[in-house]
């Protein structure tokens, strides 16, 4: 079903593109970069060798990571492609 000036399937393509962009952003943010620290950057406790080998570039210990994961707050997504404001500019 066509809607307005868009071709068939354009809405689904926009949704898929938005989802893929968000997944890439999350993957890039999640991957540690650089050399692993021997001590946690937040609490100063030693980071186990097994964790440093499993996650190269890790900066925080398991306990601090669990606290961060528990404090995660989902933020609302912004559909820039489908917003009416972006179409008016």
PDB file of N, CA and C in Angstrom:
ATOM      1  N   UNK A   1       0.835  -1.173   0.000  1.00  0.00           N
ATOM      2  CA  UNK A   1       0.000   0.000   0.000  1.00  0.00           C
ATOM      3  C   UNK A   1       0.882   1.239   0.000  1.00  0.00           C
ATOM      4  N   UNK A   2       0.692   2.093  -0.936  1.00  0.00           N
ATOM      5  CA  UNK A   2       1.469   3.323  -1.039  1.00  0.00           C
ATOM      6  C   UNK A   2       0.837   4.396  -0.157  1.00  0.00           C
ATOM      7  N   UNK A   3       1.667   5.245   0.406  1.00  0.00           N
ATOM      8  CA  UNK A   3       1.162   6.334   1.240  1.00  0.00           C
ATOM      9  C   UNK A   3       1.780   7.641   0.803  1.00  0.00           C
ATOM     10  N   UNK A   4       0.987   8.526   0.252  1.00  0.00           N
ATOM     11  CA  UNK A   4       1.497   9.828  -0.175  1.00  0.00           C
ATOM     12  C   UNK A   4       2.463   9.697  -1.333  1.00  0.00           C
ATOM     13  N   UNK A   5       3.636  10.310  -1.198  1.00  0.00           N
ATOM     14  CA  UNK A   5       4.616  10.338  -2.270  1.00  0.00           C
ATOM     15  C   UNK A   5       5.608   9.185  -2.178  1.00  0.00           C
ATOM     16  N   UNK A   6       5.485   8.377  -1.167  1.00  0.00           N
ATOM     17  CA  UNK A   6       6.463   7.291  -0.995  1.00  0.00           C
ATOM     18  C   UNK A   6       6.074   6.071  -1.808  1.00  0.00           C
ATOM     19  N   UNK A   7       7.084   5.276  -2.141  1.00  0.00           N
ATOM     20  CA  UNK A   7       6.842   4.056  -2.908  1.00  0.00           C
ATOM     21  C   UNK A   7       6.463   2.933  -1.944  1.00  0.00           C
ATOM     22  N   UNK A   8       6.012   1.824  -2.485  1.00  0.00           N
ATOM     23  CA  UNK A   8       5.645   0.676  -1.671  1.00  0.00           C
ATOM     24  C   UNK A   8       6.847   0.180  -0.879  1.00  0.00           C
ATOM     25  N   UNK A   9       6.642  -0.066   0.402  1.00  0.00           N
ATOM     26  CA  UNK A   9       7.702  -0.591   1.246  1.00  0.00           C
ATOM     27  C   UNK A   9       8.640   0.454   1.819  1.00  0.00           C
ATOM     28  N   UNK A  10       8.440   1.721   1.497  1.00  0.00           N
ATOM     29  CA  UNK A  10       9.347   2.773   1.965  1.00  0.00           C
ATOM     30  C   UNK A  10       9.290   2.930   3.479  1.00  0.00           C
ATOM     31  N   UNK A  11       8.116   2.787   4.055  1.00  0.00           N
ATOM     32  CA  UNK A  11       7.967   2.930   5.503  1.00  0.00           C
ATOM     33  C   UNK A  11       8.741   1.827   6.215  1.00  0.00           C
ATOM     34  N   UNK A  12       8.612   0.606   5.728  1.00  0.00           N
ATOM     35  CA  UNK A  12       9.343  -0.510   6.338  1.00  0.00           C
ATOM     36  C   UNK A  12      10.852  -0.333   6.192  1.00  0.00           C
ATOM     37  N   UNK A  13      11.286   0.208   5.071  1.00  0.00           N
ATOM     38  CA  UNK A  13      12.714   0.471   4.879  1.00  0.00           C
ATOM     39  C   UNK A  13      13.214   1.514   5.882  1.00  0.00           C
ATOM     40  N   UNK A  14      12.415   2.539   6.151  1.00  0.00           N
ATOM     41  CA  UNK A  14      12.781   3.551   7.128  1.00  0.00           C
ATOM     42  C   UNK A  14      12.873   2.956   8.530  1.00  0.00           C
ATOM     43  N   UNK A  15      11.917   2.108   8.879  1.00  0.00           N
ATOM     44  CA  UNK A  15      11.929   1.450  10.190  1.00  0.00           C
ATOM     45  C   UNK A  15      13.165   0.571  10.318  1.00  0.00           C
ATOM     46  N   UNK A  16      13.438  -0.229   9.306  1.00  0.00           N
ATOM     47  CA  UNK A  16      14.615  -1.106   9.323  1.00  0.00           C
ATOM     48  C   UNK A  16      15.907  -0.295   9.433  1.00  0.00           C
ATOM     49  N   UNK A  17      16.000   0.805   8.706  1.00  0.00           N
ATOM     50  CA  UNK A  17      17.198   1.638   8.756  1.00  0.00           C
ATOM     51  C   UNK A  17      17.378   2.246  10.143  1.00  0.00           C
ATOM     52  N   UNK A  18      16.293   2.699  10.755  1.00  0.00           N
ATOM     53  CA  UNK A  18      16.375   3.268  12.106  1.00  0.00           C
ATOM     54  C   UNK A  18      16.833   2.223  13.116  1.00  0.00           C
ATOM     55  N   UNK A  19      16.301   1.023  13.019  1.00  0.00           N
ATOM     56  CA  UNK A  19      16.684  -0.065  13.925  1.00  0.00           C
ATOM     57  C   UNK A  19      18.151  -0.415  13.735  1.00  0.00           C
ATOM     58  N   UNK A  20      18.587  -0.544  12.496  1.00  0.00           N
ATOM     59  CA  UNK A  20      19.992  -0.897  12.225  1.00  0.00           C
ATOM     60  C   UNK A  20      20.952   0.179  12.714  1.00  0.00           C
ATOM     61  N   UNK A  21      20.596   1.450  12.546  1.00  0.00           N
ATOM     62  CA  UNK A  21      21.446   2.536  13.032  1.00  0.00           C
ATOM     63  C   UNK A  21      21.574   2.487  14.552  1.00  0.00           C
ATOM     64  N   UNK A  22      20.466   2.237  15.243  1.00  0.00           N
ATOM     65  CA  UNK A  22      20.500   2.177  16.702  1.00  0.00           C
ATOM     66  C   UNK A  22      21.316   0.979  17.178  1.00  0.00           C
ATOM     67  N   UNK A  23      21.187  -0.163  16.512  1.00  0.00           N
ATOM     68  CA  UNK A  23      21.976  -1.337  16.875  1.00  0.00           C
ATOM     69  C   UNK A  23      23.465  -1.083  16.684  1.00  0.00           C
ATOM     70  N   UNK A  24      23.845  -0.441  15.594  1.00  0.00           N
ATOM     71  CA  UNK A  24      25.254  -0.115  15.357  1.00  0.00           C
ATOM     72  C   UNK A  24      25.781   0.847  16.414  1.00  0.00           C
ATOM     73  N   UNK A  25      24.951   1.840  16.797  1.00  0.00           N
ATOM     74  CA  UNK A  25      25.346   2.789  17.826  1.00  0.00           C
ATOM     75  C   UNK A  25      25.564   2.070  19.161  1.00  0.00           C
ATOM     76  N   UNK A  26      24.693   1.139  19.482  1.00  0.00           N
ATOM     77  CA  UNK A  26      24.821   0.395  20.733  1.00  0.00           C
ATOM     78  C   UNK A  26      26.050  -0.508  20.718  1.00  0.00           C
ATOM     79  N   UNK A  27      26.306  -1.156  19.589  1.00  0.00           N
ATOM     80  CA  UNK A  27      27.486  -2.030  19.490  1.00  0.00           C
ATOM     81  C   UNK A  27      28.772  -1.222  19.620  1.00  0.00           C
ATOM     82  N   UNK A  28      28.817  -0.068  18.998  1.00  0.00           N
ATOM     83  CA  UNK A  28      30.018   0.768  19.059  1.00  0.00           C
ATOM     84  C   UNK A  28      30.258   1.271  20.477  1.00  0.00           C
ATOM     85  N   UNK A  29      29.212   1.587  21.181  1.00  0.00           N
ATOM     86  CA  UNK A  29      29.339   2.091  22.548  1.00  0.00           C
ATOM     87  C   UNK A  29      29.736   0.989  23.517  1.00  0.00           C
ATOM     88  N   UNK A  30      29.344  -0.209  23.229  1.00  0.00           N
ATOM     89  CA  UNK A  30      29.539  -1.331  24.132  1.00  0.00           C
ATOM     90  C   UNK A  30      30.948  -1.904  24.077  1.00  0.00           C
ATOM     91  N   UNK A  31      31.614  -1.780  22.968  1.00  0.00           N
ATOM     92  CA  UNK A  31      32.926  -2.380  22.781  1.00  0.00           C
ATOM     93  C   UNK A  31      34.005  -1.534  23.436  1.00  0.00           C
ATOM     94  N   UNK A  32      34.707  -2.086  24.449  1.00  0.00           N
ATOM     95  CA  UNK A  32      35.798  -1.332  25.069  1.00  0.00           C
ATOM     96  C   UNK A  32      36.943  -1.122  24.079  1.00  0.00           C
ATOM     97  N   UNK A  33      37.644  -0.016  24.231  1.00  0.00           N
ATOM     98  CA  UNK A  33      38.742   0.321  23.336  1.00  0.00           C
ATOM     99  C   UNK A  33      39.983   0.604  24.175  1.00  0.00           C
ATOM    100  N   UNK A  34      41.134   0.241  23.658  1.00  0.00           N
ATOM    101  CA  UNK A  34      42.392   0.535  24.324  1.00  0.00           C
ATOM    102  C   UNK A  34      42.855  -0.602  25.215  1.00  0.00           C
ATOM    103  N   UNK A  35      43.801  -0.277  26.074  1.00  0.00           N
ATOM    104  CA  UNK A  35      44.393  -1.272  26.954  1.00  0.00           C
ATOM    105  C   UNK A  35      43.552  -1.415  28.221  1.00  0.00           C
ATOM    106  N   UNK A  36      43.405  -2.649  28.697  1.00  0.00           N
ATOM    107  CA  UNK A  36      42.661  -2.900  29.920  1.00  0.00           C
ATOM    108  C   UNK A  36      43.396  -2.327  31.125  1.00  0.00           C
ATOM    109  N   UNK A  37      42.623  -1.884  32.096  1.00  0.00           N
ATOM    110  CA  UNK A  37      43.204  -1.396  33.338  1.00  0.00           C
ATOM    111  C   UNK A  37      43.360  -2.554  34.322  1.00  0.00           C
ATOM    112  N   UNK A  38      44.357  -2.488  35.182  1.00  0.00           N
ATOM    113  CA  UNK A  38      44.545  -3.516  36.205  1.00  0.00           C
ATOM    114  C   UNK A  38      43.627  -3.269  37.389  1.00  0.00           C
ATOM    115  N   UNK A  39      43.254  -1.996  37.602  1.00  0.00           N
ATOM    116  CA  UNK A  39      42.355  -1.640  38.685  1.00  0.00           C
ATOM    117  C   UNK A  39      41.142  -0.924  38.116  1.00  0.00           C
ATOM    118  N   UNK A  40      39.998  -1.116  38.779  1.00  0.00           N
ATOM    119  CA  UNK A  40      38.740  -0.511  38.344  1.00  0.00           C
ATOM    120  C   UNK A  40      38.834   1.009  38.382  1.00  0.00           C
ATOM    121  N   UNK A  41      38.348   1.654  37.344  1.00  0.00           N
ATOM    122  CA  UNK A  41      38.384   3.108  37.260  1.00  0.00           C
ATOM    123  C   UNK A  41      37.398   3.756  38.226  1.00  0.00           C
ATOM    124  N   UNK A  42      36.398   3.006  38.698  1.00  0.00           N
ATOM    125  CA  UNK A  42      35.396   3.576  39.581  1.00  0.00           C
ATOM    126  C   UNK A  42      35.670   3.311  41.058  1.00  0.00           C
ATOM    127  N   UNK A  43      36.013   2.068  41.414  1.00  0.00           N
ATOM    128  CA  UNK A  43      36.167   1.727  42.834  1.00  0.00           C
ATOM    129  C   UNK A  43      37.608   1.426  43.238  1.00  0.00           C
ATOM    130  N   UNK A  44      38.498   1.208  42.292  1.00  0.00           N
ATOM    131  CA  UNK A  44      39.898   0.948  42.598  1.00  0.00           C
ATOM    132  C   UNK A  44      40.236  -0.498  42.902  1.00  0.00           C
ATOM    133  N   UNK A  45      39.249  -1.375  42.890  1.00  0.00           N
ATOM    134  CA  UNK A  45      39.496  -2.804  43.134  1.00  0.00           C
ATOM    135  C   UNK A  45      40.215  -3.412  41.930  1.00  0.00           C
ATOM    136  N   UNK A  46      41.013  -4.461  42.151  1.00  0.00           N
ATOM    137  CA  UNK A  46      41.690  -5.102  41.014  1.00  0.00           C
ATOM    138  C   UNK A  46      40.693  -5.787  40.073  1.00  0.00           C
ATOM    139  N   UNK A  47      40.970  -5.685  38.780  1.00  0.00           N
ATOM    140  CA  UNK A  47      40.150  -6.365  37.771  1.00  0.00           C
ATOM    141  C   UNK A  47      40.798  -7.714  37.511  1.00  0.00           C
ATOM    142  N   UNK A  48      40.040  -8.824  37.633  1.00  0.00           N
ATOM    143  CA  UNK A  48      40.622 -10.154  37.420  1.00  0.00           C
ATOM    144  C   UNK A  48      41.234 -10.300  36.021  1.00  0.00           C
ATOM    145  N   UNK A  49      42.326 -11.052  35.952  1.00  0.00           N
ATOM    146  CA  UNK A  49      43.039 -11.275  34.685  1.00  0.00           C
ATOM    147  C   UNK A  49      42.111 -11.890  33.637  1.00  0.00           C
ATOM    148  N   UNK A  50      41.238 -12.813  34.065  1.00  0.00           N
ATOM    149  CA  UNK A  50      40.324 -13.464  33.114  1.00  0.00           C
ATOM    150  C   UNK A  50      39.396 -12.437  32.456  1.00  0.00           C
ATOM    151  N   UNK A  51      38.931 -11.461  33.225  1.00  0.00           N
ATOM    152  CA  UNK A  51      38.058 -10.417  32.660  1.00  0.00           C
ATOM    153  C   UNK A  51      38.835  -9.534  31.694  1.00  0.00           C
ATOM    154  N   UNK A  52      40.068  -9.201  32.033  1.00  0.00           N
ATOM    155  CA  UNK A  52      40.885  -8.360  31.142  1.00  0.00           C
ATOM    156  C   UNK A  52      41.182  -9.068  29.831  1.00  0.00           C
ATOM    157  N   UNK A  53      41.361 -10.397  29.882  1.00  0.00           N
ATOM    158  CA  UNK A  53      41.610 -11.148  28.645  1.00  0.00           C
ATOM    159  C   UNK A  53      40.338 -11.311  27.828  1.00  0.00           C
ATOM    160  N   UNK A  54      39.202 -11.508  28.517  1.00  0.00           N
ATOM    161  CA  UNK A  54      37.933 -11.721  27.815  1.00  0.00           C
ATOM    162  C   UNK A  54      37.426 -10.443  27.152  1.00  0.00           C
ATOM    163  N   UNK A  55      37.673  -9.294  27.806  1.00  0.00           N
ATOM    164  CA  UNK A  55      37.217  -8.009  27.278  1.00  0.00           C
ATOM    165  C   UNK A  55      38.388  -7.041  27.174  1.00  0.00           C
ATOM    166  N   UNK A  56      39.151  -7.111  26.093  1.00  0.00           N
ATOM    167  CA  UNK A  56      40.272  -6.180  25.949  1.00  0.00           C
ATOM    168  C   UNK A  56      39.779  -4.734  26.006  1.00  0.00           C
ATOM    169  N   UNK A  57      40.433  -3.936  26.812  1.00  0.00           N
ATOM    170  CA  UNK A  57      40.045  -2.538  26.945  1.00  0.00           C
ATOM    171  C   UNK A  57      39.097  -2.277  28.101  1.00  0.00           C
ATOM    172  N   UNK A  58      38.814  -3.298  28.916  1.00  0.00           N
ATOM    173  CA  UNK A  58      37.868  -3.129  30.020  1.00  0.00           C
ATOM    174  C   UNK A  58      38.446  -2.164  31.057  1.00  0.00           C
ATOM    175  N   UNK A  59      37.587  -1.306  31.604  1.00  0.00           N
ATOM    176  CA  UNK A  59      38.025  -0.276  32.548  1.00  0.00           C
ATOM    177  C   UNK A  59      37.399  -0.432  33.930  1.00  0.00           C
ATOM    178  N   UNK A  60      36.328  -1.221  34.058  1.00  0.00           N
ATOM    179  CA  UNK A  60      35.664  -1.347  35.351  1.00  0.00           C
ATOM    180  C   UNK A  60      35.491  -2.817  35.733  1.00  0.00           C
ATOM    181  N   UNK A  61      35.373  -3.053  37.037  1.00  0.00           N
ATOM    182  CA  UNK A  61      35.252  -4.426  37.549  1.00  0.00           C
ATOM    183  C   UNK A  61      33.832  -4.958  37.349  1.00  0.00           C
ATOM    184  N   UNK A  62      33.645  -6.211  37.650  1.00  0.00           N
ATOM    185  CA  UNK A  62      32.360  -6.874  37.449  1.00  0.00           C
ATOM    186  C   UNK A  62      31.280  -6.244  38.322  1.00  0.00           C
ATOM    187  N   UNK A  63      31.598  -5.965  39.596  1.00  0.00           N
ATOM    188  CA  UNK A  63      30.601  -5.384  40.500  1.00  0.00           C
ATOM    189  C   UNK A  63      30.118  -4.024  40.004  1.00  0.00           C
ATOM    190  N   UNK A  64      31.031  -3.182  39.587  1.00  0.00           N
ATOM    191  CA  UNK A  64      30.655  -1.858  39.071  1.00  0.00           C
ATOM    192  C   UNK A  64      29.855  -1.989  37.774  1.00  0.00           C
ATOM    193  N   UNK A  65      30.219  -2.954  36.930  1.00  0.00           N
ATOM    194  CA  UNK A  65      29.473  -3.171  35.688  1.00  0.00           C
ATOM    195  C   UNK A  65      28.056  -3.620  35.985  1.00  0.00           C
ATOM    196  N   UNK A  66      27.888  -4.481  36.995  1.00  0.00           N
ATOM    197  CA  UNK A  66      26.546  -4.925  37.367  1.00  0.00           C
ATOM    198  C   UNK A  66      25.710  -3.764  37.884  1.00  0.00           C
ATOM    199  N   UNK A  67      26.325  -2.852  38.632  1.00  0.00           N
ATOM    200  CA  UNK A  67      25.605  -1.671  39.103  1.00  0.00           C
ATOM    201  C   UNK A  67      25.170  -0.805  37.928  1.00  0.00           C
ATOM    202  N   UNK A  68      26.053  -0.629  36.953  1.00  0.00           N
ATOM    203  CA  UNK A  68      25.709   0.165  35.766  1.00  0.00           C
ATOM    204  C   UNK A  68      24.575  -0.486  34.986  1.00  0.00           C
ATOM    205  N   UNK A  69      24.650  -1.807  34.833  1.00  0.00           N
ATOM    206  CA  UNK A  69      23.603  -2.503  34.095  1.00  0.00           C
ATOM    207  C   UNK A  69      22.261  -2.390  34.800  1.00  0.00           C
ATOM    208  N   UNK A  70      22.274  -2.424  36.125  1.00  0.00           N
ATOM    209  CA  UNK A  70      21.037  -2.300  36.890  1.00  0.00           C
ATOM    210  C   UNK A  70      20.457  -0.901  36.824  1.00  0.00           C
ATOM    211  N   UNK A  71      21.302   0.099  36.620  1.00  0.00           N
ATOM    212  CA  UNK A  71      20.853   1.486  36.564  1.00  0.00           C
ATOM    213  C   UNK A  71      20.511   1.924  35.148  1.00  0.00           C
ATOM    214  N   UNK A  72      20.510   1.010  34.197  1.00  0.00           N
ATOM    215  CA  UNK A  72      20.237   1.363  32.798  1.00  0.00           C
ATOM    216  C   UNK A  72      18.829   1.921  32.663  1.00  0.00           C
ATOM    217  N   UNK A  73      18.722   3.045  31.971  1.00  0.00           N
ATOM    218  CA  UNK A  73      17.429   3.641  31.683  1.00  0.00           C
ATOM    219  C   UNK A  73      17.288   3.759  30.177  1.00  0.00           C
ATOM    220  N   UNK A  74      16.253   3.170  29.662  1.00  0.00           N
ATOM    221  CA  UNK A  74      16.033   3.252  28.219  1.00  0.00           C
ATOM    222  C   UNK A  74      15.634   4.675  27.865  1.00  0.00           C
ATOM    223  N   UNK A  75      16.217   5.185  26.806  1.00  0.00           N
ATOM    224  CA  UNK A  75      15.849   6.516  26.350  1.00  0.00           C
ATOM    225  C   UNK A  75      14.923   6.381  25.155  1.00  0.00           C
ATOM    226  N   UNK A  76      14.021   7.299  25.007  1.00  0.00           N
ATOM    227  CA  UNK A  76      13.108   7.202  23.869  1.00  0.00           C
ATOM    228  C   UNK A  76      13.856   7.419  22.563  1.00  0.00           C
ATOM    229  N   UNK A  77      13.504   6.655  21.561  1.00  0.00           N
ATOM    230  CA  UNK A  77      14.131   6.795  20.251  1.00  0.00           C
ATOM    231  C   UNK A  77      13.559   7.980  19.501  1.00  0.00           C
ATOM    232  N   UNK A  78      14.331   8.502  18.607  1.00  0.00           N
ATOM    233  CA  UNK A  78      13.884   9.616  17.784  1.00  0.00           C
ATOM    234  C   UNK A  78      13.887   9.152  16.339  1.00  0.00           C
ATOM    235  N   UNK A  79      12.752   9.225  15.724  1.00  0.00           N
ATOM    236  CA  UNK A  79      12.635   8.856  14.324  1.00  0.00           C
ATOM    237  C   UNK A  79      12.803  10.109  13.485  1.00  0.00           C
ATOM    238  N   UNK A  80      14.057  10.449  13.192  1.00  0.00           N
ATOM    239  CA  UNK A  80      14.322  11.679  12.452  1.00  0.00           C
ATOM    240  C   UNK A  80      13.769  11.624  11.039  1.00  0.00           C
ATOM    241  N   UNK A  81      13.778  10.467  10.454  1.00  0.00           N
ATOM    242  CA  UNK A  81      13.331  10.365   9.069  1.00  0.00           C
ATOM    243  C   UNK A  81      11.826  10.558   8.931  1.00  0.00           C
ATOM    244  N   UNK A  82      11.086  10.147   9.939  1.00  0.00           N
ATOM    245  CA  UNK A  82       9.634  10.205   9.822  1.00  0.00           C
ATOM    246  C   UNK A  82       9.019  11.397  10.500  1.00  0.00           C
ATOM    247  N   UNK A  83       9.805  12.269  11.140  1.00  0.00           N
ATOM    248  CA  UNK A  83       9.222  13.410  11.846  1.00  0.00           C
ATOM    249  C   UNK A  83       8.736  14.462  10.863  1.00  0.00           C
ATOM    250  N   UNK A  84       7.656  15.085  11.192  1.00  0.00           N
ATOM    251  CA  UNK A  84       7.101  16.106  10.301  1.00  0.00           C
ATOM    252  C   UNK A  84       8.002  17.337  10.266  1.00  0.00           C
ATOM    253  N   UNK A  85       8.684  17.627  11.387  1.00  0.00           N
ATOM    254  CA  UNK A  85       9.580  18.778  11.400  1.00  0.00           C
ATOM    255  C   UNK A  85      10.677  18.656  10.353  1.00  0.00           C
ATOM    256  N   UNK A  86      11.228  17.440  10.208  1.00  0.00           N
ATOM    257  CA  UNK A  86      12.310  17.267   9.246  1.00  0.00           C
ATOM    258  C   UNK A  86      11.806  17.402   7.806  1.00  0.00           C
ATOM    259  N   UNK A  87      10.530  17.131   7.600  1.00  0.00           N
ATOM    260  CA  UNK A  87       9.976  17.244   6.255  1.00  0.00           C
ATOM    261  C   UNK A  87       9.667  18.696   5.898  1.00  0.00           C
ATOM    262  N   UNK A  88       9.478  19.527   6.920  1.00  0.00           N
ATOM    263  CA  UNK A  88       9.148  20.920   6.660  1.00  0.00           C
ATOM    264  C   UNK A  88      10.376  21.777   6.356  1.00  0.00           C
ATOM    265  N   UNK A  89      11.545  21.306   6.802  1.00  0.00           N
ATOM    266  CA  UNK A  89      12.762  22.119   6.626  1.00  0.00           C
ATOM    267  C   UNK A  89      13.357  21.964   5.264  1.00  0.00           C
TER     268      UNK A  89
END
